[in-house]
Amino acid sequence: MAKDAIKMAGKVIHAHNASEFDVLLENNLTIRGHVSGKMKLHHIKIIPGDKVDVEISPYDLSKGRIVYRHK
């Protein structure tokens, strides 16, 4: 995890392909999120409607990395 990344919770609303999703954050902003490497390695699948944790770079607030999918 990057030390200055912003961690937020959100909900997946649209899947573009197997690794890119539109995520509606808890502050009602929509960002484009991609699946982190560990989630790819362990074959964790994400579908629209899943609640996820996202890390966002403070330099580009329109993109993020999905790091956790809640059960």
PDB file of N, CA and C in Angstrom:
ATOM      1  N   MET A   1       0.849  -1.178   0.000  1.00  0.00           N
ATOM      2  CA  MET A   1       0.000   0.000   0.000  1.00  0.00           C
ATOM      3  C   MET A   1       0.893   1.240   0.000  1.00  0.00           C
ATOM      4  N   ALA A   2       0.544   2.181  -0.827  1.00  0.00           N
ATOM      5  CA  ALA A   2       1.276   3.435  -0.874  1.00  0.00           C
ATOM      6  C   ALA A   2       1.016   4.217   0.411  1.00  0.00           C
ATOM      7  N   LYS A   3       2.045   4.901   0.906  1.00  0.00           N
ATOM      8  CA  LYS A   3       1.880   5.546   2.204  1.00  0.00           C
ATOM      9  C   LYS A   3       0.975   6.771   2.166  1.00  0.00           C
ATOM     10  N   ASP A   4       0.845   7.423   1.007  1.00  0.00           N
ATOM     11  CA  ASP A   4      -0.038   8.587   0.945  1.00  0.00           C
ATOM     12  C   ASP A   4      -1.316   8.325   0.157  1.00  0.00           C
ATOM     13  N   ALA A   5      -1.675   7.062  -0.036  1.00  0.00           N
ATOM     14  CA  ALA A   5      -2.913   6.740  -0.735  1.00  0.00           C
ATOM     15  C   ALA A   5      -4.118   7.029   0.162  1.00  0.00           C
ATOM     16  N   ILE A   6      -5.212   7.430  -0.461  1.00  0.00           N
ATOM     17  CA  ILE A   6      -6.455   7.698   0.262  1.00  0.00           C
ATOM     18  C   ILE A   6      -7.297   6.424   0.183  1.00  0.00           C
ATOM     19  N   LYS A   7      -7.676   5.874   1.331  1.00  0.00           N
ATOM     20  CA  LYS A   7      -8.454   4.637   1.354  1.00  0.00           C
ATOM     21  C   LYS A   7      -9.920   4.973   1.604  1.00  0.00           C
ATOM     22  N   MET A   8     -10.801   4.487   0.713  1.00  0.00           N
ATOM     23  CA  MET A   8     -12.232   4.747   0.833  1.00  0.00           C
ATOM     24  C   MET A   8     -13.013   3.473   0.532  1.00  0.00           C
ATOM     25  N   ALA A   9     -14.243   3.440   0.987  1.00  0.00           N
ATOM     26  CA  ALA A   9     -15.142   2.328   0.686  1.00  0.00           C
ATOM     27  C   ALA A   9     -16.076   2.744  -0.439  1.00  0.00           C
ATOM     28  N   GLY A  10     -16.549   1.769  -1.203  1.00  0.00           N
ATOM     29  CA  GLY A  10     -17.449   2.076  -2.298  1.00  0.00           C
ATOM     30  C   GLY A  10     -18.198   0.842  -2.753  1.00  0.00           C
ATOM     31  N   LYS A  11     -18.985   1.014  -3.808  1.00  0.00           N
ATOM     32  CA  LYS A  11     -19.790  -0.061  -4.362  1.00  0.00           C
ATOM     33  C   LYS A  11     -19.572  -0.102  -5.870  1.00  0.00           C
ATOM     34  N   VAL A  12     -19.324  -1.290  -6.400  1.00  0.00           N
ATOM     35  CA  VAL A  12     -19.110  -1.451  -7.833  1.00  0.00           C
ATOM     36  C   VAL A  12     -20.447  -1.283  -8.548  1.00  0.00           C
ATOM     37  N   ILE A  13     -20.491  -0.382  -9.548  1.00  0.00           N
ATOM     38  CA  ILE A  13     -21.749  -0.146 -10.253  1.00  0.00           C
ATOM     39  C   ILE A  13     -21.715  -0.595 -11.701  1.00  0.00           C
ATOM     40  N   HIS A  14     -20.501  -0.749 -12.278  1.00  0.00           N
ATOM     41  CA  HIS A  14     -20.416  -1.160 -13.680  1.00  0.00           C
ATOM     42  C   HIS A  14     -19.079  -1.848 -13.927  1.00  0.00           C
ATOM     43  N   ALA A  15     -19.098  -2.958 -14.670  1.00  0.00           N
ATOM     44  CA  ALA A  15     -17.877  -3.674 -15.028  1.00  0.00           C
ATOM     45  C   ALA A  15     -17.546  -3.386 -16.482  1.00  0.00           C
ATOM     46  N   HIS A  16     -16.330  -2.897 -16.743  1.00  0.00           N
ATOM     47  CA  HIS A  16     -15.898  -2.642 -18.115  1.00  0.00           C
ATOM     48  C   HIS A  16     -15.276  -3.888 -18.718  1.00  0.00           C
ATOM     49  N   ASN A  17     -14.422  -4.558 -17.968  1.00  0.00           N
ATOM     50  CA  ASN A  17     -13.864  -5.848 -18.343  1.00  0.00           C
ATOM     51  C   ASN A  17     -13.526  -6.584 -17.057  1.00  0.00           C
ATOM     52  N   ALA A  18     -12.710  -7.616 -17.126  1.00  0.00           N
ATOM     53  CA  ALA A  18     -12.445  -8.436 -15.940  1.00  0.00           C
ATOM     54  C   ALA A  18     -11.656  -7.716 -14.866  1.00  0.00           C
ATOM     55  N   SER A  19     -11.005  -6.610 -15.217  1.00  0.00           N
ATOM     56  CA  SER A  19     -10.172  -5.957 -14.207  1.00  0.00           C
ATOM     57  C   SER A  19     -10.424  -4.460 -14.047  1.00  0.00           C
ATOM     58  N   GLU A  20     -11.401  -3.877 -14.751  1.00  0.00           N
ATOM     59  CA  GLU A  20     -11.699  -2.451 -14.607  1.00  0.00           C
ATOM     60  C   GLU A  20     -13.182  -2.260 -14.313  1.00  0.00           C
ATOM     61  N   PHE A  21     -13.454  -1.401 -13.322  1.00  0.00           N
ATOM     62  CA  PHE A  21     -14.815  -1.208 -12.843  1.00  0.00           C
ATOM     63  C   PHE A  21     -15.068   0.257 -12.536  1.00  0.00           C
ATOM     64  N   ASP A  22     -16.337   0.667 -12.610  1.00  0.00           N
ATOM     65  CA  ASP A  22     -16.754   1.961 -12.096  1.00  0.00           C
ATOM     66  C   ASP A  22     -17.198   1.738 -10.658  1.00  0.00           C
ATOM     67  N   VAL A  23     -16.668   2.556  -9.744  1.00  0.00           N
ATOM     68  CA  VAL A  23     -16.949   2.407  -8.313  1.00  0.00           C
ATOM     69  C   VAL A  23     -17.573   3.695  -7.804  1.00  0.00           C
ATOM     70  N   LEU A  24     -18.747   3.569  -7.170  1.00  0.00           N
ATOM     71  CA  LEU A  24     -19.413   4.703  -6.529  1.00  0.00           C
ATOM     72  C   LEU A  24     -18.911   4.767  -5.091  1.00  0.00           C
ATOM     73  N   LEU A  25     -18.191   5.831  -4.753  1.00  0.00           N
ATOM     74  CA  LEU A  25     -17.609   5.961  -3.420  1.00  0.00           C
ATOM     75  C   LEU A  25     -18.650   6.421  -2.414  1.00  0.00           C
ATOM     76  N   GLU A  26     -18.290   6.366  -1.139  1.00  0.00           N
ATOM     77  CA  GLU A  26     -19.216   6.746  -0.064  1.00  0.00           C
ATOM     78  C   GLU A  26     -19.520   8.236  -0.064  1.00  0.00           C
ATOM     79  N   ASN A  27     -18.726   9.051  -0.777  1.00  0.00           N
ATOM     80  CA  ASN A  27     -19.009  10.486  -0.875  1.00  0.00           C
ATOM     81  C   ASN A  27     -19.702  10.841  -2.195  1.00  0.00           C
ATOM     82  N   ASN A  28     -20.297   9.843  -2.867  1.00  0.00           N
ATOM     83  CA  ASN A  28     -21.091   9.974  -4.091  1.00  0.00           C
ATOM     84  C   ASN A  28     -20.285  10.414  -5.311  1.00  0.00           C
ATOM     85  N   LEU A  29     -18.988  10.165  -5.327  1.00  0.00           N
ATOM     86  CA  LEU A  29     -18.171  10.370  -6.519  1.00  0.00           C
ATOM     87  C   LEU A  29     -17.954   9.023  -7.195  1.00  0.00           C
ATOM     88  N   THR A  30     -17.871   9.019  -8.510  1.00  0.00           N
ATOM     89  CA  THR A  30     -17.624   7.798  -9.259  1.00  0.00           C
ATOM     90  C   THR A  30     -16.214   7.829  -9.815  1.00  0.00           C
ATOM     91  N   ILE A  31     -15.471   6.742  -9.593  1.00  0.00           N
ATOM     92  CA  ILE A  31     -14.110   6.641 -10.107  1.00  0.00           C
ATOM     93  C   ILE A  31     -13.967   5.352 -10.908  1.00  0.00           C
ATOM     94  N   ARG A  32     -12.882   5.266 -11.669  1.00  0.00           N
ATOM     95  CA  ARG A  32     -12.538   4.041 -12.389  1.00  0.00           C
ATOM     96  C   ARG A  32     -11.542   3.286 -11.526  1.00  0.00           C
ATOM     97  N   GLY A  33     -11.847   2.035 -11.207  1.00  0.00           N
ATOM     98  CA  GLY A  33     -10.970   1.253 -10.353  1.00  0.00           C
ATOM     99  C   GLY A  33     -10.473   0.007 -11.055  1.00  0.00           C
ATOM    100  N   HIS A  34      -9.219  -0.351 -10.830  1.00  0.00           N
ATOM    101  CA  HIS A  34      -8.692  -1.596 -11.363  1.00  0.00           C
ATOM    102  C   HIS A  34      -8.327  -2.520 -10.202  1.00  0.00           C
ATOM    103  N   VAL A  35      -8.311  -3.807 -10.483  1.00  0.00           N
ATOM    104  CA  VAL A  35      -8.082  -4.819  -9.458  1.00  0.00           C
ATOM    105  C   VAL A  35      -6.595  -4.858  -9.122  1.00  0.00           C
ATOM    106  N   SER A  36      -6.280  -4.948  -7.830  1.00  0.00           N
ATOM    107  CA  SER A  36      -4.881  -4.988  -7.400  1.00  0.00           C
ATOM    108  C   SER A  36      -4.260  -6.343  -7.756  1.00  0.00           C
ATOM    109  N   GLY A  37      -2.944  -6.386  -7.707  1.00  0.00           N
ATOM    110  CA  GLY A  37      -2.207  -7.590  -8.082  1.00  0.00           C
ATOM    111  C   GLY A  37      -2.501  -8.792  -7.209  1.00  0.00           C
ATOM    112  N   LYS A  38      -2.633  -8.589  -5.895  1.00  0.00           N
ATOM    113  CA  LYS A  38      -2.923  -9.713  -4.995  1.00  0.00           C
ATOM    114  C   LYS A  38      -4.300 -10.307  -5.267  1.00  0.00           C
ATOM    115  N   MET A  39      -5.262  -9.470  -5.646  1.00  0.00           N
ATOM    116  CA  MET A  39      -6.599  -9.975  -5.943  1.00  0.00           C
ATOM    117  C   MET A  39      -6.580 -10.779  -7.247  1.00  0.00           C
ATOM    118  N   LYS A  40      -5.771 -10.354  -8.225  1.00  0.00           N
ATOM    119  CA  LYS A  40      -5.610 -11.127  -9.460  1.00  0.00           C
ATOM    120  C   LYS A  40      -4.932 -12.455  -9.177  1.00  0.00           C
ATOM    121  N   LEU A  41      -3.905 -12.415  -8.331  1.00  0.00           N
ATOM    122  CA  LEU A  41      -3.131 -13.611  -8.006  1.00  0.00           C
ATOM    123  C   LEU A  41      -4.001 -14.681  -7.361  1.00  0.00           C
ATOM    124  N   HIS A  42      -4.927 -14.272  -6.506  1.00  0.00           N
ATOM    125  CA  HIS A  42      -5.786 -15.225  -5.793  1.00  0.00           C
ATOM    126  C   HIS A  42      -7.141 -15.420  -6.468  1.00  0.00           C
ATOM    127  N   HIS A  43      -7.296 -14.911  -7.704  1.00  0.00           N
ATOM    128  CA  HIS A  43      -8.496 -15.103  -8.531  1.00  0.00           C
ATOM    129  C   HIS A  43      -9.777 -14.679  -7.809  1.00  0.00           C
ATOM    130  N   ILE A  44      -9.759 -13.506  -7.176  1.00  0.00           N
ATOM    131  CA  ILE A  44     -10.941 -12.973  -6.504  1.00  0.00           C
ATOM    132  C   ILE A  44     -11.782 -12.240  -7.545  1.00  0.00           C
ATOM    133  N   LYS A  45     -12.999 -12.686  -7.745  1.00  0.00           N
ATOM    134  CA  LYS A  45     -13.887 -12.123  -8.755  1.00  0.00           C
ATOM    135  C   LYS A  45     -14.720 -10.999  -8.158  1.00  0.00           C
ATOM    136  N   ILE A  46     -14.993  -9.996  -8.970  1.00  0.00           N
ATOM    137  CA  ILE A  46     -15.805  -8.853  -8.557  1.00  0.00           C
ATOM    138  C   ILE A  46     -16.932  -8.693  -9.562  1.00  0.00           C
ATOM    139  N   ILE A  47     -18.142  -8.474  -9.056  1.00  0.00           N
ATOM    140  CA  ILE A  47     -19.299  -8.240  -9.922  1.00  0.00           C
ATOM    141  C   ILE A  47     -19.981  -6.955  -9.465  1.00  0.00           C
ATOM    142  N   PRO A  48     -20.776  -6.336 -10.344  1.00  0.00           N
ATOM    143  CA  PRO A  48     -21.506  -5.127  -9.931  1.00  0.00           C
ATOM    144  C   PRO A  48     -22.389  -5.415  -8.721  1.00  0.00           C
ATOM    145  N   GLY A  49     -22.355  -4.510  -7.755  1.00  0.00           N
ATOM    146  CA  GLY A  49     -23.102  -4.674  -6.512  1.00  0.00           C
ATOM    147  C   GLY A  49     -22.211  -5.017  -5.332  1.00  0.00           C
ATOM    148  N   ASP A  50     -20.983  -5.445  -5.586  1.00  0.00           N
ATOM    149  CA  ASP A  50     -20.055  -5.776  -4.495  1.00  0.00           C
ATOM    150  C   ASP A  50     -19.580  -4.513  -3.792  1.00  0.00           C
ATOM    151  N   LYS A  51     -19.402  -4.619  -2.482  1.00  0.00           N
ATOM    152  CA  LYS A  51     -18.813  -3.530  -1.707  1.00  0.00           C
ATOM    153  C   LYS A  51     -17.309  -3.769  -1.652  1.00  0.00           C
ATOM    154  N   VAL A  52     -16.535  -2.715  -1.938  1.00  0.00           N
ATOM    155  CA  VAL A  52     -15.085  -2.844  -2.049  1.00  0.00           C
ATOM    156  C   VAL A  52     -14.382  -1.698  -1.314  1.00  0.00           C
ATOM    157  N   ASP A  53     -13.101  -1.914  -0.998  1.00  0.00           N
ATOM    158  CA  ASP A  53     -12.228  -0.860  -0.496  1.00  0.00           C
ATOM    159  C   ASP A  53     -11.318  -0.444  -1.639  1.00  0.00           C
ATOM    160  N   VAL A  54     -11.132   0.859  -1.792  1.00  0.00           N
ATOM    161  CA  VAL A  54     -10.362   1.408  -2.899  1.00  0.00           C
ATOM    162  C   VAL A  54      -9.272   2.316  -2.350  1.00  0.00           C
ATOM    163  N   GLU A  55      -8.070   2.220  -2.930  1.00  0.00           N
ATOM    164  CA  GLU A  55      -6.990   3.159  -2.629  1.00  0.00           C
ATOM    165  C   GLU A  55      -6.889   4.134  -3.788  1.00  0.00           C
ATOM    166  N   ILE A  56      -6.924   5.425  -3.486  1.00  0.00           N
ATOM    167  CA  ILE A  56      -6.895   6.465  -4.511  1.00  0.00           C
ATOM    168  C   ILE A  56      -5.624   7.283  -4.337  1.00  0.00           C
ATOM    169  N   SER A  57      -4.962   7.576  -5.441  1.00  0.00           N
ATOM    170  CA  SER A  57      -3.774   8.412  -5.402  1.00  0.00           C
ATOM    171  C   SER A  57      -4.198   9.861  -5.184  1.00  0.00           C
ATOM    172  N   PRO A  58      -3.483  10.597  -4.335  1.00  0.00           N
ATOM    173  CA  PRO A  58      -3.839  12.014  -4.141  1.00  0.00           C
ATOM    174  C   PRO A  58      -3.533  12.859  -5.378  1.00  0.00           C
ATOM    175  N   TYR A  59      -2.783  12.330  -6.341  1.00  0.00           N
ATOM    176  CA  TYR A  59      -2.428  13.078  -7.539  1.00  0.00           C
ATOM    177  C   TYR A  59      -3.470  12.971  -8.640  1.00  0.00           C
ATOM    178  N   ASP A  60      -4.226  11.862  -8.675  1.00  0.00           N
ATOM    179  CA  ASP A  60      -5.282  11.674  -9.679  1.00  0.00           C
ATOM    180  C   ASP A  60      -6.487  11.064  -8.975  1.00  0.00           C
ATOM    181  N   LEU A  61      -7.463  11.876  -8.650  1.00  0.00           N
ATOM    182  CA  LEU A  61      -8.623  11.426  -7.871  1.00  0.00           C
ATOM    183  C   LEU A  61      -9.694  10.753  -8.708  1.00  0.00           C
ATOM    184  N   SER A  62      -9.439  10.503  -9.986  1.00  0.00           N
ATOM    185  CA  SER A  62     -10.441   9.857 -10.835  1.00  0.00           C
ATOM    186  C   SER A  62     -10.159   8.370 -11.030  1.00  0.00           C
ATOM    187  N   LYS A  63      -9.027   7.877 -10.527  1.00  0.00           N
ATOM    188  CA  LYS A  63      -8.659   6.471 -10.682  1.00  0.00           C
ATOM    189  C   LYS A  63      -8.261   5.901  -9.333  1.00  0.00           C
ATOM    190  N   GLY A  64      -8.450   4.590  -9.192  1.00  0.00           N
ATOM    191  CA  GLY A  64      -8.065   3.951  -7.945  1.00  0.00           C
ATOM    192  C   GLY A  64      -7.776   2.481  -8.133  1.00  0.00           C
ATOM    193  N   ARG A  65      -7.325   1.853  -7.060  1.00  0.00           N
ATOM    194  CA  ARG A  65      -6.993   0.429  -7.060  1.00  0.00           C
ATOM    195  C   ARG A  65      -7.897  -0.272  -6.060  1.00  0.00           C
ATOM    196  N   ILE A  66      -8.609  -1.290  -6.507  1.00  0.00           N
ATOM    197  CA  ILE A  66      -9.495  -2.066  -5.632  1.00  0.00           C
ATOM    198  C   ILE A  66      -8.617  -3.051  -4.862  1.00  0.00           C
ATOM    199  N   VAL A  67      -8.611  -2.939  -3.539  1.00  0.00           N
ATOM    200  CA  VAL A  67      -7.715  -3.757  -2.724  1.00  0.00           C
ATOM    201  C   VAL A  67      -8.435  -4.796  -1.876  1.00  0.00           C
ATOM    202  N   TYR A  68      -9.757  -4.686  -1.713  1.00  0.00           N
ATOM    203  CA  TYR A  68     -10.481  -5.637  -0.868  1.00  0.00           C
ATOM    204  C   TYR A  68     -11.932  -5.695  -1.287  1.00  0.00           C
ATOM    205  N   ARG A  69     -12.497  -6.907  -1.332  1.00  0.00           N
ATOM    206  CA  ARG A  69     -13.932  -7.093  -1.613  1.00  0.00           C
ATOM    207  C   ARG A  69     -14.572  -7.632  -0.348  1.00  0.00           C
ATOM    208  N   HIS A  70     -15.609  -6.951   0.136  1.00  0.00           N
ATOM    209  CA  HIS A  70     -16.316  -7.375   1.355  1.00  0.00           C
ATOM    210  C   HIS A  70     -17.258  -8.518   1.040  1.00  0.00           C
ATOM    211  N   LYS A  71     -17.474  -9.373   2.017  1.00  0.00           N
ATOM    212  CA  LYS A  71     -18.369 -10.531   1.858  1.00  0.00           C
ATOM    213  C   LYS A  71     -19.812 -10.152   1.986  1.00  0.00           C
TER     214      LYS A  71
END
